[in-house]
Amino acid sequence: LSQVEMLKHQVEAIAHAQEAIAVARRVDDLFAEVNARINLMTEQAARGSAPDPDELIEIVDRAVDAGVYDEAYRGIVNLIWAAPGYLPLDRVERTAVEAERRTGATAPASIGPYVELSKAALLFLPAGRWREVDGALGENVEGLATAVSTRLVWLGLLGGMALRRGDLKAAEPRIAELQPMALESGEAQRIIPMASVVLPWLLV
């Protein structure tokens, strides 16, 4: 419940995440504790509280203890999405690199492409590291960007980079697919990044 509410930025997400953490600790359910702590960190950031990199490292360590590597990487990617505006990009990147190292494993296929595209969109692109963005948008990425959340980031990056380079013809089909898909999600975290690409394209 807290995860669904977090995705929709409902205020109830915080209380439900705190309750879930308490229950999980009472019954010694590491997976449930990790899941709820990620939800809590993410929603608190959406409401004005900076995420703590040290807490993220602790969450990842707990996830590894529980053997839930997809949750470990969900924690990393949620930090990448939650931290900009609070923490310098290099601090976020260092934390993500350290957290990935501590997992001792590559990201599961279910979340790996989303992690890499999120780094490109939220760490590399704002820093002007376009070559690394291009690397994340390599030839095989479209085939991996099948999950809706992953495809939304991929479309925004691909369309946005084409727009930045003045290639409106290449940008158009990606942006045309991106806009209705993001609106359909009903999630601010999808709609606002979409709008930051679609509105300049419409203006041009």
C-alpha atoms as a PDB file:
ATOM      1  CA  LEU A   1       0.000   0.000   0.000  1.00  0.00           C
ATOM      2  CA  SER A   2       2.755   2.452   0.888  1.00  0.00           C
ATOM      3  CA  GLN A   3       4.509   1.746  -2.415  1.00  0.00           C
ATOM      4  CA  VAL A   4       1.371   2.411  -4.468  1.00  0.00           C
ATOM      5  CA  GLU A   5       0.703   5.580  -2.473  1.00  0.00           C
ATOM      6  CA  MET A   6       4.334   6.678  -2.870  1.00  0.00           C
ATOM      7  CA  LEU A   7       4.121   6.320  -6.649  1.00  0.00           C
ATOM      8  CA  LYS A   8       1.085   8.596  -6.654  1.00  0.00           C
ATOM      9  CA  HIS A   9       2.612  10.952  -4.033  1.00  0.00           C
ATOM     10  CA  GLN A  10      -0.264  10.511  -1.602  1.00  0.00           C
ATOM     11  CA  VAL A  11       0.387  11.888   1.862  1.00  0.00           C
ATOM     12  CA  GLU A  12      -0.782   8.610   3.439  1.00  0.00           C
ATOM     13  CA  ALA A  13       2.312   6.893   2.025  1.00  0.00           C
ATOM     14  CA  ILE A  14       4.500   8.172   4.864  1.00  0.00           C
ATOM     15  CA  ALA A  15       2.322   6.890   7.699  1.00  0.00           C
ATOM     16  CA  HIS A  16       1.722   3.566   5.969  1.00  0.00           C
ATOM     17  CA  ALA A  17       5.455   3.130   5.284  1.00  0.00           C
ATOM     18  CA  GLN A  18       6.254   3.823   8.943  1.00  0.00           C
ATOM     19  CA  GLU A  19       3.613   1.314  10.003  1.00  0.00           C
ATOM     20  CA  ALA A  20       4.951  -1.256   7.551  1.00  0.00           C
ATOM     21  CA  ILE A  21       8.486  -0.824   8.893  1.00  0.00           C
ATOM     22  CA  ALA A  22       7.277  -1.378  12.461  1.00  0.00           C
ATOM     23  CA  VAL A  23       5.344  -4.512  11.526  1.00  0.00           C
ATOM     24  CA  ALA A  24       8.207  -5.876   9.419  1.00  0.00           C
ATOM     25  CA  ARG A  25      10.667  -5.462  12.279  1.00  0.00           C
ATOM     26  CA  ARG A  26       8.264  -7.064  14.715  1.00  0.00           C
ATOM     27  CA  VAL A  27       7.958 -10.199  12.575  1.00  0.00           C
ATOM     28  CA  ASP A  28      11.560 -10.079  11.283  1.00  0.00           C
ATOM     29  CA  ASP A  29      10.622  -9.671   7.617  1.00  0.00           C
ATOM     30  CA  LEU A  30      13.682  -8.062   6.018  1.00  0.00           C
ATOM     31  CA  PHE A  31      12.110  -7.769   2.572  1.00  0.00           C
ATOM     32  CA  ALA A  32       9.084  -5.880   3.898  1.00  0.00           C
ATOM     33  CA  GLU A  33      11.310  -3.608   5.994  1.00  0.00           C
ATOM     34  CA  VAL A  34      13.537  -2.737   3.024  1.00  0.00           C
ATOM     35  CA  ASN A  35      10.565  -2.134   0.755  1.00  0.00           C
ATOM     36  CA  ALA A  36       8.876   0.191   3.225  1.00  0.00           C
ATOM     37  CA  ARG A  37      12.073   2.094   4.053  1.00  0.00           C
ATOM     38  CA  ILE A  38      12.599   2.820   0.364  1.00  0.00           C
ATOM     39  CA  ASN A  39       9.008   4.038   0.092  1.00  0.00           C
ATOM     40  CA  LEU A  40       9.457   6.252   3.149  1.00  0.00           C
ATOM     41  CA  MET A  41      12.732   7.774   1.924  1.00  0.00           C
ATOM     42  CA  THR A  42      11.246   8.495  -1.477  1.00  0.00           C
ATOM     43  CA  GLU A  43       8.020  10.092  -0.298  1.00  0.00           C
ATOM     44  CA  GLN A  44       9.731  12.163   2.390  1.00  0.00           C
ATOM     45  CA  ALA A  45      12.012  13.554  -0.330  1.00  0.00           C
ATOM     46  CA  ALA A  46       8.954  14.448  -2.396  1.00  0.00           C
ATOM     47  CA  ARG A  47       7.704  16.446   0.591  1.00  0.00           C
ATOM     48  CA  GLY A  48      10.827  18.410   1.420  1.00  0.00           C
ATOM     49  CA  SER A  49      13.153  16.112   3.389  1.00  0.00           C
ATOM     50  CA  ALA A  50      16.526  15.406   1.823  1.00  0.00           C
ATOM     51  CA  PRO A  51      17.359  11.706   1.467  1.00  0.00           C
ATOM     52  CA  ASP A  52      20.290  10.506   3.569  1.00  0.00           C
ATOM     53  CA  PRO A  53      22.968   8.680   1.515  1.00  0.00           C
ATOM     54  CA  ASP A  54      24.130   6.778   4.612  1.00  0.00           C
ATOM     55  CA  GLU A  55      20.597   5.513   5.179  1.00  0.00           C
ATOM     56  CA  LEU A  56      20.431   4.316   1.577  1.00  0.00           C
ATOM     57  CA  ILE A  57      23.651   2.347   2.078  1.00  0.00           C
ATOM     58  CA  GLU A  58      22.140   0.753   5.183  1.00  0.00           C
ATOM     59  CA  ILE A  59      18.958  -0.126   3.285  1.00  0.00           C
ATOM     60  CA  VAL A  60      21.016  -1.748   0.521  1.00  0.00           C
ATOM     61  CA  ASP A  61      22.988  -3.757   3.088  1.00  0.00           C
ATOM     62  CA  ARG A  62      19.714  -4.989   4.615  1.00  0.00           C
ATOM     63  CA  ALA A  63      18.408  -5.917   1.182  1.00  0.00           C
ATOM     64  CA  VAL A  64      21.565  -7.924   0.476  1.00  0.00           C
ATOM     65  CA  ASP A  65      21.182  -9.689   3.839  1.00  0.00           C
ATOM     66  CA  ALA A  66      17.659 -10.631   2.777  1.00  0.00           C
ATOM     67  CA  GLY A  67      18.800 -11.724  -0.672  1.00  0.00           C
ATOM     68  CA  VAL A  68      16.435  -9.280  -2.392  1.00  0.00           C
ATOM     69  CA  TYR A  69      18.741  -7.703  -4.941  1.00  0.00           C
ATOM     70  CA  ASP A  70      15.918  -6.169  -6.957  1.00  0.00           C
ATOM     71  CA  GLU A  71      14.937  -4.176  -3.857  1.00  0.00           C
ATOM     72  CA  ALA A  72      18.561  -3.163  -3.301  1.00  0.00           C
ATOM     73  CA  TYR A  73      18.636  -1.707  -6.802  1.00  0.00           C
ATOM     74  CA  ARG A  74      15.185  -0.166  -6.369  1.00  0.00           C
ATOM     75  CA  GLY A  75      16.621   1.686  -3.381  1.00  0.00           C
ATOM     76  CA  ILE A  76      19.562   2.902  -5.470  1.00  0.00           C
ATOM     77  CA  VAL A  77      17.384   4.092  -8.337  1.00  0.00           C
ATOM     78  CA  ASN A  78      14.930   5.795  -5.976  1.00  0.00           C
ATOM     79  CA  LEU A  79      17.824   7.719  -4.425  1.00  0.00           C
ATOM     80  CA  ILE A  80      18.867   8.814  -7.927  1.00  0.00           C
ATOM     81  CA  TRP A  81      15.338  10.119  -8.524  1.00  0.00           C
ATOM     82  CA  ALA A  82      14.832  11.612  -5.052  1.00  0.00           C
ATOM     83  CA  ALA A  83      18.185  13.304  -4.390  1.00  0.00           C
ATOM     84  CA  PRO A  84      18.551  15.919  -7.170  1.00  0.00           C
ATOM     85  CA  GLY A  85      17.798  19.347  -5.771  1.00  0.00           C
ATOM     86  CA  TYR A  86      18.966  18.247  -2.333  1.00  0.00           C
ATOM     87  CA  LEU A  87      22.430  16.777  -2.914  1.00  0.00           C
ATOM     88  CA  PRO A  88      25.218  17.542  -5.409  1.00  0.00           C
ATOM     89  CA  LEU A  89      25.096  15.194  -8.393  1.00  0.00           C
ATOM     90  CA  ASP A  90      28.596  13.868  -7.710  1.00  0.00           C
ATOM     91  CA  ARG A  91      27.561  12.900  -4.167  1.00  0.00           C
ATOM     92  CA  VAL A  92      24.530  11.062  -5.507  1.00  0.00           C
ATOM     93  CA  GLU A  93      26.672   9.267  -8.070  1.00  0.00           C
ATOM     94  CA  ARG A  94      29.307   8.264  -5.499  1.00  0.00           C
ATOM     95  CA  THR A  95      26.595   6.883  -3.242  1.00  0.00           C
ATOM     96  CA  ALA A  96      25.033   4.918  -6.098  1.00  0.00           C
ATOM     97  CA  VAL A  97      28.418   3.467  -7.109  1.00  0.00           C
ATOM     98  CA  GLU A  98      29.201   2.468  -3.513  1.00  0.00           C
ATOM     99  CA  ALA A  99      25.744   0.952  -3.035  1.00  0.00           C
ATOM    100  CA  GLU A 100      26.071  -1.089  -6.233  1.00  0.00           C
ATOM    101  CA  ARG A 101      29.500  -2.300  -5.112  1.00  0.00           C
ATOM    102  CA  ARG A 102      28.040  -3.437  -1.803  1.00  0.00           C
ATOM    103  CA  THR A 103      25.415  -5.575  -3.508  1.00  0.00           C
ATOM    104  CA  GLY A 104      28.177  -7.749  -4.936  1.00  0.00           C
ATOM    105  CA  ALA A 105      25.933  -8.386  -7.932  1.00  0.00           C
ATOM    106  CA  THR A 106      24.867  -6.792 -11.169  1.00  0.00           C
ATOM    107  CA  ALA A 107      21.368  -5.371 -11.315  1.00  0.00           C
ATOM    108  CA  PRO A 108      18.660  -7.971 -12.051  1.00  0.00           C
ATOM    109  CA  ALA A 109      17.309  -7.835 -15.599  1.00  0.00           C
ATOM    110  CA  SER A 110      13.958  -6.644 -14.235  1.00  0.00           C
ATOM    111  CA  ILE A 111      15.437  -3.323 -13.108  1.00  0.00           C
ATOM    112  CA  GLY A 112      18.912  -3.044 -14.686  1.00  0.00           C
ATOM    113  CA  PRO A 113      17.944  -1.002 -17.779  1.00  0.00           C
ATOM    114  CA  TYR A 114      15.874   1.351 -15.618  1.00  0.00           C
ATOM    115  CA  VAL A 115      18.836   1.956 -13.316  1.00  0.00           C
ATOM    116  CA  GLU A 116      21.170   2.772 -16.214  1.00  0.00           C
ATOM    117  CA  LEU A 117      18.680   5.061 -17.969  1.00  0.00           C
ATOM    118  CA  SER A 118      17.914   6.836 -14.694  1.00  0.00           C
ATOM    119  CA  LYS A 119      21.615   7.546 -14.193  1.00  0.00           C
ATOM    120  CA  ALA A 120      21.774   8.958 -17.704  1.00  0.00           C
ATOM    121  CA  ALA A 121      18.677  11.136 -17.256  1.00  0.00           C
ATOM    122  CA  LEU A 122      19.305  12.440 -13.748  1.00  0.00           C
ATOM    123  CA  LEU A 123      23.094  12.377 -13.310  1.00  0.00           C
ATOM    124  CA  PHE A 124      24.825  12.460 -16.702  1.00  0.00           C
ATOM    125  CA  LEU A 125      22.476  14.728 -18.669  1.00  0.00           C
ATOM    126  CA  PRO A 126      22.298  17.585 -16.103  1.00  0.00           C
ATOM    127  CA  ALA A 127      26.115  17.482 -15.884  1.00  0.00           C
ATOM    128  CA  GLY A 128      26.496  17.776 -19.660  1.00  0.00           C
ATOM    129  CA  ARG A 129      27.964  14.277 -19.969  1.00  0.00           C
ATOM    130  CA  TRP A 130      26.308  13.621 -23.332  1.00  0.00           C
ATOM    131  CA  ARG A 131      28.677  10.831 -24.393  1.00  0.00           C
ATOM    132  CA  GLU A 132      27.627   8.824 -21.352  1.00  0.00           C
ATOM    133  CA  VAL A 133      23.978   9.546 -22.138  1.00  0.00           C
ATOM    134  CA  ASP A 134      24.582   8.261 -25.683  1.00  0.00           C
ATOM    135  CA  GLY A 135      26.212   5.171 -24.191  1.00  0.00           C
ATOM    136  CA  ALA A 136      23.141   4.468 -22.071  1.00  0.00           C
ATOM    137  CA  LEU A 137      21.015   4.803 -25.209  1.00  0.00           C
ATOM    138  CA  GLY A 138      22.999   2.119 -27.044  1.00  0.00           C
ATOM    139  CA  GLU A 139      21.640  -0.021 -29.852  1.00  0.00           C
ATOM    140  CA  ASN A 140      20.204  -2.794 -27.670  1.00  0.00           C
ATOM    141  CA  VAL A 141      18.403  -0.588 -25.156  1.00  0.00           C
ATOM    142  CA  GLU A 142      15.063  -0.351 -26.985  1.00  0.00           C
ATOM    143  CA  GLY A 143      14.654  -4.116 -26.783  1.00  0.00           C
ATOM    144  CA  LEU A 144      15.257  -3.973 -23.025  1.00  0.00           C
ATOM    145  CA  ALA A 145      12.998  -0.965 -22.434  1.00  0.00           C
ATOM    146  CA  THR A 146       9.814  -3.018 -22.303  1.00  0.00           C
ATOM    147  CA  ALA A 147       8.541  -2.086 -18.830  1.00  0.00           C
ATOM    148  CA  VAL A 148       6.451   1.088 -18.956  1.00  0.00           C
ATOM    149  CA  SER A 149       8.600   2.939 -16.396  1.00  0.00           C
ATOM    150  CA  THR A 150      11.788   2.072 -18.299  1.00  0.00           C
ATOM    151  CA  ARG A 151      10.302   2.991 -21.670  1.00  0.00           C
ATOM    152  CA  LEU A 152       9.161   6.370 -20.365  1.00  0.00           C
ATOM    153  CA  VAL A 153      12.697   7.277 -19.331  1.00  0.00           C
ATOM    154  CA  TRP A 154      14.099   5.906 -22.598  1.00  0.00           C
ATOM    155  CA  LEU A 155      11.626   7.884 -24.716  1.00  0.00           C
ATOM    156  CA  GLY A 156      12.303  11.085 -22.784  1.00  0.00           C
ATOM    157  CA  LEU A 157      16.040  10.699 -23.146  1.00  0.00           C
ATOM    158  CA  LEU A 158      16.003   9.721 -26.809  1.00  0.00           C
ATOM    159  CA  GLY A 159      13.478  12.386 -27.830  1.00  0.00           C
ATOM    160  CA  GLY A 160      15.095  14.999 -25.629  1.00  0.00           C
ATOM    161  CA  MET A 161      18.596  14.371 -26.973  1.00  0.00           C
ATOM    162  CA  ALA A 162      17.328  14.577 -30.567  1.00  0.00           C
ATOM    163  CA  LEU A 163      15.618  17.865 -29.713  1.00  0.00           C
ATOM    164  CA  ARG A 164      18.783  19.265 -28.116  1.00  0.00           C
ATOM    165  CA  ARG A 165      20.700  18.428 -31.289  1.00  0.00           C
ATOM    166  CA  GLY A 166      18.093  20.107 -33.479  1.00  0.00           C
ATOM    167  CA  ASP A 167      16.849  16.878 -35.084  1.00  0.00           C
ATOM    168  CA  LEU A 168      13.106  17.522 -34.844  1.00  0.00           C
ATOM    169  CA  LYS A 169      12.283  14.710 -37.254  1.00  0.00           C
ATOM    170  CA  ALA A 170      13.954  12.114 -35.023  1.00  0.00           C
ATOM    171  CA  ALA A 171      12.443  13.645 -31.874  1.00  0.00           C
ATOM    172  CA  GLU A 172       8.843  13.648 -33.096  1.00  0.00           C
ATOM    173  CA  PRO A 173       7.882   9.934 -32.940  1.00  0.00           C
ATOM    174  CA  ARG A 174       9.526   9.456 -29.538  1.00  0.00           C
ATOM    175  CA  ILE A 175       7.831  12.511 -28.063  1.00  0.00           C
ATOM    176  CA  ALA A 176       4.491  11.575 -29.646  1.00  0.00           C
ATOM    177  CA  GLU A 177       4.661   8.213 -27.852  1.00  0.00           C
ATOM    178  CA  LEU A 178       5.972   9.696 -24.604  1.00  0.00           C
ATOM    179  CA  GLN A 179       3.275  12.285 -23.943  1.00  0.00           C
ATOM    180  CA  PRO A 180       0.122  10.087 -23.755  1.00  0.00           C
ATOM    181  CA  MET A 181       1.979   7.286 -21.979  1.00  0.00           C
ATOM    182  CA  ALA A 182       3.195   9.610 -19.226  1.00  0.00           C
ATOM    183  CA  LEU A 183      -0.222  11.229 -18.811  1.00  0.00           C
ATOM    184  CA  GLU A 184      -1.858   7.800 -18.600  1.00  0.00           C
ATOM    185  CA  SER A 185       0.400   6.858 -15.663  1.00  0.00           C
ATOM    186  CA  GLY A 186      -1.142   9.598 -13.511  1.00  0.00           C
ATOM    187  CA  GLU A 187       2.223   9.884 -11.717  1.00  0.00           C
ATOM    188  CA  ALA A 188       3.869  13.272 -11.250  1.00  0.00           C
ATOM    189  CA  GLN A 189       7.309  11.632 -11.484  1.00  0.00           C
ATOM    190  CA  ARG A 190       6.418  10.609 -15.057  1.00  0.00           C
ATOM    191  CA  ILE A 191       4.406  13.651 -16.152  1.00  0.00           C
ATOM    192  CA  ILE A 192       6.838  16.403 -15.109  1.00  0.00           C
ATOM    193  CA  PRO A 193       9.912  14.935 -16.886  1.00  0.00           C
ATOM    194  CA  MET A 194       7.723  14.334 -19.935  1.00  0.00           C
ATOM    195  CA  ALA A 195       6.545  17.939 -19.909  1.00  0.00           C
ATOM    196  CA  SER A 196      10.133  19.203 -19.722  1.00  0.00           C
ATOM    197  CA  VAL A 197      10.742  17.541 -23.106  1.00  0.00           C
ATOM    198  CA  VAL A 198       7.339  17.950 -24.769  1.00  0.00           C
ATOM    199  CA  LEU A 199       6.799  21.650 -24.049  1.00  0.00           C
ATOM    200  CA  PRO A 200      10.096  22.854 -25.618  1.00  0.00           C
ATOM    201  CA  TRP A 201       9.444  20.587 -28.616  1.00  0.00           C
ATOM    202  CA  LEU A 202       5.930  22.046 -29.052  1.00  0.00           C
ATOM    203  CA  LEU A 203       7.361  25.569 -28.776  1.00  0.00           C
ATOM    204  CA  VAL A 204       9.964  24.890 -31.455  1.00  0.00           C
END
